[in-house]
């Protein structure tokens, strides 16, 4: 009810925000209904919060594992978004890949794929492509990520990317403001049975206060 009311208000007076963008979006004369927008907002909040938990864990782990990069980040907080992108490239938590359907018959490395067949793209492996990233095994928060596929591309680009990036930036800045001497502890446990992620269930840290 509250979301529908907000949508109606934005229809009457659009602004520079997510809901207004959805309201103004149009495809061949067709616009989203209130029900469709409620579903999209729910998906963004749910998926964005869930995946943010994984991103936060891996970001903290990799920064603490690479103290030289953490030192660079602390000296220049404008590199936070670069650290986020590099974590997604270097050690993404996702494992199920992206399902796509072939729009025409094609051949990939000797394999025949027919039009309409589903192809599962494990996009996390693209972060280690030496043709795209120089020295891909190195964690480098200043790296160029223009060709990153972490959030998809084109019409499949993640609609919640701004939310998760904003959440993560706030988290990281506040974390090291409160615990500037944070270091990794001696225990990390993963849940490999999670349906779509290598979820980090336990990561012990030392606050060193």
Protein backbone atom coordinates (compact mmCIF):
# COMPACT_ATOMS: atom_id res chain seq x y z
CA UNK A 1 0.00 0.00 0.00
CA UNK A 2 2.76 2.47 0.95
CA UNK A 3 4.78 1.64 -2.16
CA UNK A 4 1.73 2.07 -4.42
CA UNK A 5 1.06 5.43 -2.80
CA UNK A 6 4.67 6.49 -3.42
CA UNK A 7 4.46 5.34 -7.05
CA UNK A 8 1.32 7.43 -7.57
CA UNK A 9 3.08 10.47 -6.08
CA UNK A 10 6.06 9.96 -8.40
CA UNK A 11 3.75 9.58 -11.40
CA UNK A 12 2.28 12.98 -10.60
CA UNK A 13 5.67 14.58 -9.94
CA UNK A 14 8.69 12.53 -11.14
CA UNK A 15 12.10 13.27 -9.65
CA UNK A 16 15.70 12.14 -10.00
CA UNK A 17 15.27 8.76 -8.32
CA UNK A 18 14.85 5.04 -9.02
CA UNK A 19 11.04 4.96 -8.99
CA UNK A 20 10.79 7.96 -11.30
CA UNK A 21 13.18 6.26 -13.73
CA UNK A 22 10.95 3.18 -13.79
CA UNK A 23 7.85 5.33 -14.29
CA UNK A 24 9.38 7.23 -17.21
CA UNK A 25 10.81 4.11 -18.86
CA UNK A 26 8.99 3.14 -22.05
CA UNK A 27 9.43 0.29 -24.53
CA UNK A 28 7.54 0.55 -27.81
CA UNK A 29 4.81 2.59 -26.15
CA UNK A 30 4.43 0.23 -23.20
CA UNK A 31 5.06 1.36 -19.62
CA UNK A 32 5.35 -0.54 -16.35
CA UNK A 33 2.25 -1.00 -14.22
CA UNK A 34 2.20 -0.36 -10.47
CA UNK A 35 2.27 -4.12 -9.85
CA UNK A 36 5.34 -4.56 -12.08
CA UNK A 37 7.15 -1.72 -10.35
CA UNK A 38 6.35 -3.13 -6.91
CA UNK A 39 7.79 -6.47 -8.04
CA UNK A 40 10.96 -4.79 -9.34
CA UNK A 41 11.47 -2.78 -6.16
CA UNK A 42 10.97 -5.93 -4.08
CA UNK A 43 13.49 -7.81 -6.21
CA UNK A 44 16.07 -5.04 -5.90
CA UNK A 45 15.70 -4.81 -2.12
CA UNK A 46 15.78 -8.58 -1.66
CA UNK A 47 18.52 -9.47 -4.12
CA UNK A 48 20.57 -6.38 -3.33
CA UNK A 49 20.58 -7.06 0.40
CA UNK A 50 21.38 -10.76 -0.03
CA UNK A 51 24.27 -10.30 -2.45
CA UNK A 52 25.61 -7.33 -0.49
CA UNK A 53 26.26 -9.62 2.48
CA UNK A 54 28.53 -11.79 0.31
CA UNK A 55 30.27 -8.82 -1.29
CA UNK A 56 30.98 -7.22 2.08
CA UNK A 57 32.58 -10.41 3.40
CA UNK A 58 34.83 -10.95 0.39
CA UNK A 59 35.78 -7.28 0.17
CA UNK A 60 36.89 -7.17 3.81
CA UNK A 61 38.74 -10.48 3.47
CA UNK A 62 40.67 -9.43 0.36
CA UNK A 63 41.61 -6.01 1.69
CA UNK A 64 42.89 -7.54 4.93
CA UNK A 65 44.75 -10.17 2.91
CA UNK A 66 46.41 -7.42 0.84
CA UNK A 67 47.61 -4.81 3.37
CA UNK A 68 49.47 -2.79 0.72
CA UNK A 69 46.22 -2.28 -1.19
CA UNK A 70 44.37 -1.46 2.03
CA UNK A 71 46.99 1.18 2.80
CA UNK A 72 46.44 2.71 -0.66
CA UNK A 73 42.68 2.73 -0.07
CA UNK A 74 42.95 4.38 3.34
CA UNK A 75 45.08 7.11 1.78
CA UNK A 76 42.52 7.73 -0.96
CA UNK A 77 38.90 6.81 -0.19
CA UNK A 78 37.87 7.67 -3.75
CA UNK A 79 39.25 4.22 -4.64
CA UNK A 80 36.46 2.43 -2.72
CA UNK A 81 34.47 1.74 -5.89
CA UNK A 82 37.61 0.39 -7.53
CA UNK A 83 38.12 -1.94 -4.56
CA UNK A 84 34.53 -3.16 -4.93
CA UNK A 85 34.99 -3.86 -8.65
CA UNK A 86 38.32 -5.58 -8.05
CA UNK A 87 36.84 -7.84 -5.37
CA UNK A 88 34.05 -8.89 -7.72
CA UNK A 89 36.62 -9.64 -10.40
CA UNK A 90 39.19 -11.31 -8.16
CA UNK A 91 36.96 -13.44 -5.92
CA UNK A 92 33.26 -13.25 -6.61
CA UNK A 93 30.91 -15.25 -4.39
CA UNK A 94 28.58 -16.21 -7.24
CA UNK A 95 28.66 -19.74 -8.59
CA UNK A 96 25.54 -20.48 -10.63
CA UNK A 97 26.24 -18.29 -13.66
CA UNK A 98 23.81 -16.59 -16.02
CA UNK A 99 21.23 -18.39 -18.13
CA UNK A 100 20.88 -17.12 -21.69
CA UNK A 101 19.11 -18.49 -24.78
CA UNK A 102 20.76 -18.64 -28.19
CA UNK A 103 19.05 -16.32 -30.68
CA UNK A 104 20.50 -18.31 -33.60
CA UNK A 105 22.45 -21.49 -34.35
CA UNK A 106 26.13 -21.12 -33.54
CA UNK A 107 29.32 -23.02 -32.79
CA UNK A 108 31.63 -22.35 -29.84
CA UNK A 109 34.93 -24.24 -29.61
CA UNK A 110 33.53 -27.09 -31.67
CA UNK A 111 30.25 -27.33 -29.76
CA UNK A 112 27.03 -26.89 -31.72
CA UNK A 113 24.36 -24.76 -30.05
CA UNK A 114 20.92 -24.60 -31.60
CA UNK A 115 18.64 -21.58 -31.63
CA UNK A 116 16.54 -21.53 -28.46
CA UNK A 117 18.90 -23.71 -26.42
CA UNK A 118 19.90 -22.45 -22.99
CA UNK A 119 23.54 -21.56 -22.40
CA UNK A 120 24.90 -21.22 -18.87
CA UNK A 121 27.56 -18.52 -18.69
CA UNK A 122 29.84 -18.71 -15.65
CA UNK A 123 30.66 -15.00 -15.75
CA UNK A 124 32.89 -15.11 -12.65
CA UNK A 125 35.61 -16.80 -14.72
CA UNK A 126 35.86 -13.76 -17.01
CA UNK A 127 37.67 -11.89 -14.25
CA UNK A 128 40.70 -14.13 -14.72
CA UNK A 129 40.95 -13.71 -18.50
CA UNK A 130 44.56 -12.62 -19.23
CA UNK A 131 43.40 -11.19 -22.57
CA UNK A 132 41.32 -8.64 -20.68
CA UNK A 133 43.19 -8.20 -17.39
CA UNK A 134 46.95 -7.93 -17.12
CA UNK A 135 48.32 -10.16 -14.35
CA UNK A 136 44.80 -11.28 -13.32
CA UNK A 137 46.01 -13.12 -10.21
CA UNK A 138 47.07 -9.82 -8.67
CA UNK A 139 44.60 -7.93 -6.46
CA UNK A 140 44.83 -4.32 -7.66
CA UNK A 141 42.21 -1.76 -6.61
CA UNK A 142 43.44 0.72 -9.24
CA UNK A 143 42.74 -1.68 -12.09
CA UNK A 144 40.61 -0.65 -15.08
CA UNK A 145 37.23 -2.43 -15.01
CA UNK A 146 35.63 -1.01 -18.16
CA UNK A 147 35.15 -4.54 -19.55
CA UNK A 148 33.84 -6.05 -16.33
CA UNK A 149 30.90 -8.47 -16.54
CA UNK A 150 30.32 -8.61 -12.77
CA UNK A 151 26.99 -6.78 -13.06
CA UNK A 152 26.18 -7.90 -16.60
CA UNK A 153 26.02 -5.79 -19.73
CA UNK A 154 23.47 -4.08 -21.95
CA UNK A 155 19.78 -4.88 -21.27
CA UNK A 156 20.85 -7.44 -18.66
CA UNK A 157 22.82 -4.94 -16.56
CA UNK A 158 21.99 -5.36 -12.87
CA UNK A 159 19.19 -2.99 -11.89
CA UNK A 160 20.35 -2.97 -8.26
CA UNK A 161 23.99 -2.06 -8.92
CA UNK A 162 23.70 1.46 -7.49
CA UNK A 163 22.10 0.17 -4.29
CA UNK A 164 24.71 -2.50 -3.59
CA UNK A 165 27.62 -0.20 -4.45
CA UNK A 166 26.26 2.54 -2.17
CA UNK A 167 25.64 0.12 0.70
CA UNK A 168 29.11 -1.34 0.38
CA UNK A 169 30.87 2.03 0.24
CA UNK A 170 29.14 3.20 3.43
CA UNK A 171 29.92 -0.10 5.17
CA UNK A 172 33.61 -0.05 4.26
CA UNK A 173 34.24 3.56 5.25
CA UNK A 174 32.47 3.14 8.59
CA UNK A 175 34.19 -0.17 9.31
CA UNK A 176 37.72 1.19 9.03
CA UNK A 177 36.75 4.44 10.74
CA UNK A 178 35.69 2.46 13.80
CA UNK A 179 38.31 -0.30 13.53
CA UNK A 180 41.36 1.20 11.78
CA UNK A 181 43.66 -1.65 12.86
CA UNK A 182 41.39 -4.52 11.82
CA UNK A 183 43.13 -7.76 10.84
CA UNK A 184 42.09 -11.28 9.85
CA UNK A 185 41.68 -13.90 12.54
CA UNK A 186 42.43 -17.59 12.22
CA UNK A 187 39.10 -18.97 11.02
CA UNK A 188 37.06 -18.66 7.83
CA UNK A 189 34.21 -21.06 7.03
CA UNK A 190 32.29 -21.30 3.76
CA UNK A 191 28.91 -22.78 2.94
CA UNK A 192 29.36 -24.52 -0.40
CA UNK A 193 25.81 -25.90 -0.29
CA UNK A 194 24.19 -22.48 -0.72
CA UNK A 195 22.00 -22.46 -3.83
CA UNK A 196 23.80 -19.69 -5.72
CA UNK A 197 26.82 -18.47 -3.75
CA UNK A 198 30.00 -19.53 -2.00
CA UNK A 199 28.71 -17.93 1.16
CA UNK A 200 31.18 -17.05 3.89
CA UNK A 201 29.45 -18.09 7.10
CA UNK A 202 32.29 -17.30 9.51
CA UNK A 203 35.19 -14.87 9.22
CA UNK A 204 37.03 -14.19 12.45
CA UNK A 205 38.73 -10.79 12.70
CA UNK A 206 40.83 -9.00 15.30
CA UNK A 207 39.78 -5.44 16.13
CA UNK A 208 43.18 -4.66 17.73
CA UNK A 209 41.67 -1.82 19.73
